[in-house]
């Protein structure tokens, strides 16, 4: 089974919180990693998301220890929409 990993960034213009985070996070650009597994048995190539991981702190916080949190992709999308940004930026 093939697994693919996509790295993107998401930018919050205001502080935000997610249920998997232990406290509110400041505005900034955050690294987001998504893992997907190939769905076997189809006549075309398709993938299913298996994990969405947010790296804390924001990219601009150099020198700070990094933690990785598994987050709900639906909750993250809702938080981004509430912040005024609908989609992650692929890099």
C-alpha atoms as a PDB file:
ATOM      1  CA  UNK A   1       0.000   0.000   0.000  1.00  0.00           C
ATOM      2  CA  UNK A   2       1.470   3.326  -1.065  1.00  0.00           C
ATOM      3  CA  UNK A   3       1.597   6.197   1.382  1.00  0.00           C
ATOM      4  CA  UNK A   4       2.190   9.792   0.337  1.00  0.00           C
ATOM      5  CA  UNK A   5       3.077  12.726   2.535  1.00  0.00           C
ATOM      6  CA  UNK A   6       2.298  16.333   1.647  1.00  0.00           C
ATOM      7  CA  UNK A   7       3.816  19.306   3.439  1.00  0.00           C
ATOM      8  CA  UNK A   8       1.986  22.630   3.359  1.00  0.00           C
ATOM      9  CA  UNK A   9       1.720  25.739   5.475  1.00  0.00           C
ATOM     10  CA  UNK A  10      -1.297  27.407   7.000  1.00  0.00           C
ATOM     11  CA  UNK A  11      -1.373  31.017   8.144  1.00  0.00           C
ATOM     12  CA  UNK A  12      -3.556  32.332  10.937  1.00  0.00           C
ATOM     13  CA  UNK A  13      -3.953  36.102  11.201  1.00  0.00           C
ATOM     14  CA  UNK A  14      -5.377  35.848  14.731  1.00  0.00           C
ATOM     15  CA  UNK A  15      -4.708  33.555  17.699  1.00  0.00           C
ATOM     16  CA  UNK A  16      -6.507  30.214  17.381  1.00  0.00           C
ATOM     17  CA  UNK A  17      -7.251  27.075  19.318  1.00  0.00           C
ATOM     18  CA  UNK A  18      -7.961  23.453  18.414  1.00  0.00           C
ATOM     19  CA  UNK A  19      -9.165  20.704  20.747  1.00  0.00           C
ATOM     20  CA  UNK A  20      -5.923  18.720  20.337  1.00  0.00           C
ATOM     21  CA  UNK A  21      -3.761  21.692  21.409  1.00  0.00           C
ATOM     22  CA  UNK A  22      -3.115  22.354  25.067  1.00  0.00           C
ATOM     23  CA  UNK A  23      -3.500  26.151  24.796  1.00  0.00           C
ATOM     24  CA  UNK A  24      -4.348  28.890  22.270  1.00  0.00           C
ATOM     25  CA  UNK A  25      -1.651  29.496  19.658  1.00  0.00           C
ATOM     26  CA  UNK A  26      -0.536  32.912  18.411  1.00  0.00           C
ATOM     27  CA  UNK A  27      -1.116  34.157  14.874  1.00  0.00           C
ATOM     28  CA  UNK A  28       1.515  33.003  12.395  1.00  0.00           C
ATOM     29  CA  UNK A  29       2.404  30.528   9.674  1.00  0.00           C
ATOM     30  CA  UNK A  30       2.487  26.889  10.740  1.00  0.00           C
ATOM     31  CA  UNK A  31       3.874  23.768   9.056  1.00  0.00           C
ATOM     32  CA  UNK A  32       1.190  21.182   8.245  1.00  0.00           C
ATOM     33  CA  UNK A  33       1.968  17.580   7.205  1.00  0.00           C
ATOM     34  CA  UNK A  34      -0.711  15.292   5.756  1.00  0.00           C
ATOM     35  CA  UNK A  35      -0.345  11.518   5.264  1.00  0.00           C
ATOM     36  CA  UNK A  36      -2.573   9.652   2.816  1.00  0.00           C
ATOM     37  CA  UNK A  37      -2.837   5.942   1.942  1.00  0.00           C
ATOM     38  CA  UNK A  38      -3.642   4.564  -1.473  1.00  0.00           C
ATOM     39  CA  UNK A  39      -7.090   2.995  -1.737  1.00  0.00           C
ATOM     40  CA  UNK A  40      -6.516  -0.425  -3.291  1.00  0.00           C
ATOM     41  CA  UNK A  41      -8.875  -2.255  -5.618  1.00  0.00           C
ATOM     42  CA  UNK A  42     -10.050   0.718  -7.655  1.00  0.00           C
ATOM     43  CA  UNK A  43      -9.603   1.127 -11.396  1.00  0.00           C
ATOM     44  CA  UNK A  44      -8.047   4.558 -10.767  1.00  0.00           C
ATOM     45  CA  UNK A  45      -5.521   5.999  -8.342  1.00  0.00           C
ATOM     46  CA  UNK A  46      -7.132   7.388  -5.190  1.00  0.00           C
ATOM     47  CA  UNK A  47      -5.898   8.247  -1.699  1.00  0.00           C
ATOM     48  CA  UNK A  48      -7.533   8.517   1.720  1.00  0.00           C
ATOM     49  CA  UNK A  49      -6.226  10.914   4.381  1.00  0.00           C
ATOM     50  CA  UNK A  50      -4.898   9.048   7.402  1.00  0.00           C
ATOM     51  CA  UNK A  51      -3.233  11.798   9.455  1.00  0.00           C
ATOM     52  CA  UNK A  52      -2.993  15.571   9.669  1.00  0.00           C
ATOM     53  CA  UNK A  53      -0.168  16.911  11.835  1.00  0.00           C
ATOM     54  CA  UNK A  54       0.388  20.527  12.864  1.00  0.00           C
ATOM     55  CA  UNK A  55       3.873  21.629  13.923  1.00  0.00           C
ATOM     56  CA  UNK A  56       3.929  24.044  16.873  1.00  0.00           C
ATOM     57  CA  UNK A  57       5.247  26.768  17.277  1.00  0.00           C
ATOM     58  CA  UNK A  58       4.854  28.916  14.173  1.00  0.00           C
ATOM     59  CA  UNK A  59       7.665  28.845  11.606  1.00  0.00           C
ATOM     60  CA  UNK A  60       8.741  32.361  12.620  1.00  0.00           C
ATOM     61  CA  UNK A  61       9.535  31.213  16.180  1.00  0.00           C
ATOM     62  CA  UNK A  62      13.107  30.131  15.496  1.00  0.00           C
ATOM     63  CA  UNK A  63      14.958  28.408  18.273  1.00  0.00           C
ATOM     64  CA  UNK A  64      11.840  27.167  20.042  1.00  0.00           C
ATOM     65  CA  UNK A  65      11.408  23.420  20.524  1.00  0.00           C
ATOM     66  CA  UNK A  66       8.937  21.940  18.026  1.00  0.00           C
ATOM     67  CA  UNK A  67       6.003  19.744  18.955  1.00  0.00           C
ATOM     68  CA  UNK A  68       3.794  17.866  16.511  1.00  0.00           C
ATOM     69  CA  UNK A  69       0.067  17.487  17.177  1.00  0.00           C
ATOM     70  CA  UNK A  70      -2.393  15.268  15.322  1.00  0.00           C
ATOM     71  CA  UNK A  71      -5.329  17.515  14.435  1.00  0.00           C
ATOM     72  CA  UNK A  72      -8.718  16.992  12.871  1.00  0.00           C
ATOM     73  CA  UNK A  73      -8.637  18.180   9.265  1.00  0.00           C
ATOM     74  CA  UNK A  74     -12.280  19.264   9.541  1.00  0.00           C
ATOM     75  CA  UNK A  75     -11.622  21.265  12.720  1.00  0.00           C
ATOM     76  CA  UNK A  76      -8.526  22.848  11.157  1.00  0.00           C
ATOM     77  CA  UNK A  77     -10.503  23.830   8.037  1.00  0.00           C
ATOM     78  CA  UNK A  78     -13.194  25.396  10.244  1.00  0.00           C
ATOM     79  CA  UNK A  79     -10.582  27.341  12.234  1.00  0.00           C
ATOM     80  CA  UNK A  80      -8.970  28.609   9.016  1.00  0.00           C
ATOM     81  CA  UNK A  81     -12.345  29.616   7.627  1.00  0.00           C
ATOM     82  CA  UNK A  82     -13.171  31.449  10.846  1.00  0.00           C
ATOM     83  CA  UNK A  83      -9.813  33.212  10.534  1.00  0.00           C
ATOM     84  CA  UNK A  84     -10.583  34.228   6.961  1.00  0.00           C
ATOM     85  CA  UNK A  85      -8.398  31.766   5.052  1.00  0.00           C
ATOM     86  CA  UNK A  86     -10.108  28.837   3.370  1.00  0.00           C
ATOM     87  CA  UNK A  87      -7.189  26.741   2.037  1.00  0.00           C
ATOM     88  CA  UNK A  88      -3.642  25.760   3.055  1.00  0.00           C
ATOM     89  CA  UNK A  89      -0.823  27.035   0.833  1.00  0.00           C
ATOM     90  CA  UNK A  90       1.200  24.264  -0.836  1.00  0.00           C
ATOM     91  CA  UNK A  91       4.936  24.753  -0.900  1.00  0.00           C
END
